[in-house]
Amino acid sequence: MNVSRRTAIQAVAAGVALAPTAAQARTTADQVSIEAGGITVVGEADGSILIKDAAADRVRISHFMFKDSVVGQQRTFGGKATLTTDNGSPAIRVDYTMSASAQQVKVTGVFTVSPRRVGLRWTVTGSTTLTPSGFMFSRTVLNPSAPEGFAPIATWVRDPGGGVPYEVNTGALYQETWTDTTASFWVGATTRKLTNATWLHAPGNAGNVTDAALVFGAGRTADLAARGAGVLGVDAWSDQPFGLYGQAAAMQLRAQVVNGTPVARTLDLVWWARDFSGTKVARGTLTRTLAPGAVWDEAFTVQGAPQDIVFTEVSAGEAFSRTNMATLKAHAYKPEGRFGIANYSWLMVPDRATVGGLLQKLGVKTVRISYDGGDGLSPAELDGLGIPHNVQLGGVLFNGAQADIDAWADKQTGVAKAAGARYFEVGNELNNPWMQGLRAKEYIRDGLRPIRDRLQGSGIKVMNCGLGGMDWKWTESFKAEGGWDLIDAFAFHPGRGNFTPDYAPPREEWVVGDSGSYWNFLGALREARRTLDEYGGAKELWLTEAYACTRPNRWWNDSHRHAAENVLLTLALAMSEGVDGVNWYQPHDSIIHQPQVADPANHEYHYGLMNRDTSAKASLLAYANATRTLEGATFVRWLTFPDPDLKGLLFDRFSILWSRKDGYIQHQDHGTDAYHPHKEAWVDHWPTKTLLTLPAKGANVHEVDCIGHERWIAAQNGQVTLKLDGAPRIYYGLA
């Protein structure tokens, strides 16, 4: 094992192997059965499959349903079970009976058993118009002690184009619980909303075959998934919530290898940890032979810096997994602040109290949406944490009947009042389609004014629907139709593409479109400020969504390192323009309707401050660093230098400096398609370094990078020389 001298390693290995037990087959007058490792699979007289262990009957599988574009949705009606073999082992085959309208279709089931695992496979033939995405099977869980659970499965893959690795969705577990044991249905693909109490959605492959499994016993999701799929599995995680430790803590990386294959494997477990600067602070290699079904657990200790992040990887054979761990200093926040989150803190993992504590630790001072019965932490929970909260509610009934509009407005304002909201944001991005100025009049009549009228005297301030981008054409229509006088705060969402946050083209140059310059930050923010100054009325300015999307290997989106840098600069620029509130979208990767599901192609799954596994991104440290630095600070002015490519913001206690020698466009060497390989988070993205000599107040200048990593630069003769690039850094002690 090769271990750096900075790192202490504690390895605790536990290889647990279940000796393969050959399946045994039996036949009686009315049923057939196979058994292995204490699990029995029975083919009953009507073609149903009963799965049981030594203690009890557990599950009955009765029917299969297929979808066909000609004959529609069809299910089986019983069948005949017989003994057969599958890859040389005993198996049960069921030839199912079809309805009169689907006699040309043949459905066959083959069921196998091995220790802890029952294999389930259905093959559908006889039609050229099958729709395998609609395949399902019925299951009855016998005497469960808890409702069925659900756990999405994600697998790490290497990018064939050379970009960063990423997770892909590889199915899910439907988790069953009894008083004395557990089991999980593994499926390689599924849509949860299509699964109900009877039918489990289990799409077929291109050959119209559905493969599934029932895996007995407890285990981590990756463990059970490897057994279900019959593959090698690797998992990496930290038992510390969010992988977030205190200052300079010793962090523990957990690793697990599961041999879900039917053959023994001799494997090298290779692991490493890199910090934000790219230094491999820890690494090692271990070797072991794993029998089929064996589990290999390890634990490695990595010494943390005062405040930093480490990116880790564990690999064995063809499988690997990644997770992050970080150290964050303690900080005493002031009661009030302008930085918050959007929309909800909706993923309560590991639990509600721990998520609430994280919001406090990050300096979250407002939550965009919280109301009783809504997702995320409730108003009472946030009140207990000292975190103010607002509501954003939609459902505006454009051109609806007046009675319906009145009922809607009564309901929504009742929710806001009951929640104790400070602000009511009426709708979300209702200016879509962008820059066409449509429906402003109807929005005011059917949405904004009814809400405003009902909130008079309540103390709740009113915001317009947060605009998608700084849509000045819609805003002009909104003002012309009388909407400006009905709001207390102007809200918009300065979406940002592959531009640095300080890219500020004038509105006349904006190009609308999915990859247009309309989606810039500082230019949009300055246009919003100009609008507020022109229209008057002392309106507050709120960014109810701000972003740093890390969709992997897309030129339009940030790399993880870009995102961390851009979080700091975004919040600093917001301060420079006098923004009253910024809600960062959002705490977690994935989406509220598909929690912890992986989708590398959909940008909506990559806006979080945390990864899908809830471990901290570098962005999370950058957010905490920004809130701690900026809260209570006063912006003074932009700094200018003889070299116009050098940029700076002067605050009363510090400065933030950076360079634009490498331009304002990220991934500017991208091609014509959406793909562009991102660099790893520990790789410096900025090739051009520029030295800048400035006066210093004392013997040294204190430099803090975007994630809060610190160093002190010695001054000589009252001068200090700084090395600037595209990454914003905070400096204390400049004269």
Foldseek 3Di string as FASTA:
>chain_A
DDWDPQFDWDKDKDKDDDPKFAWDWDDDPAWIWIDEQQWIWIQGNQRKIWIDGPPDTWKIWAKKWWAFPPLGIWMFGTFGWDWDADPRGIWIKTWTHGDPSPVQKTKMWIWDDINQKIKIKIAIDRDPGTDLQAIKTWMATPAFPDDKDKAWDWFWDCDPVHFHIFIATQFIWTKTHHPVWIKTKTARHADVVVDDNTIGRHGDDPRRMGIIMIGIGDDDRQQNNCLTVQAKGKDKDFPPFLLEAAFQDWGKIKMKIFRNHQAKDKKKKKKFKAWLQGDTQTIDIDIDIHHHGIMIIIMTIGGAHRWTKIKMKIDIDPGIYIFMHTYDYADDDDLADFEAAPAALQDQVPHQVVSLVLCVRLQHAEHEAEFPPDGHDHLVRCVVSSHAYAHEDEDQDQVDDPVVLLVVLVVVLVRGLRRVHQEYEYAAQPCPVAQPLPPLLSCVVRIQVSNLVVCVPSNHFYEYHAHEFLRVSNVVSNVVNPNVVSGQAYHYALAAWQFAQPDADAPVQWDDDPQTNSNHHLNRLVVVLVVCVVVDPNHAYEHQEYFQFCLAFFQGHDPLQSLLLRLQVRLVSCLVSPHRHYHYYHAEFDDSSDQLHDDSVDRNRGGHCGYSVSHGGLNSLLSSVNRSVPTPKHWDDKDQDPPRQKTWTDIPFKIKIAGQPVHGGGPVVDDDDRGHRHHHSSDDPWDDKDKDKAFFQDQWKWKAFSSGDIDTFGADPRITIDIHYHRIIMIGGTD
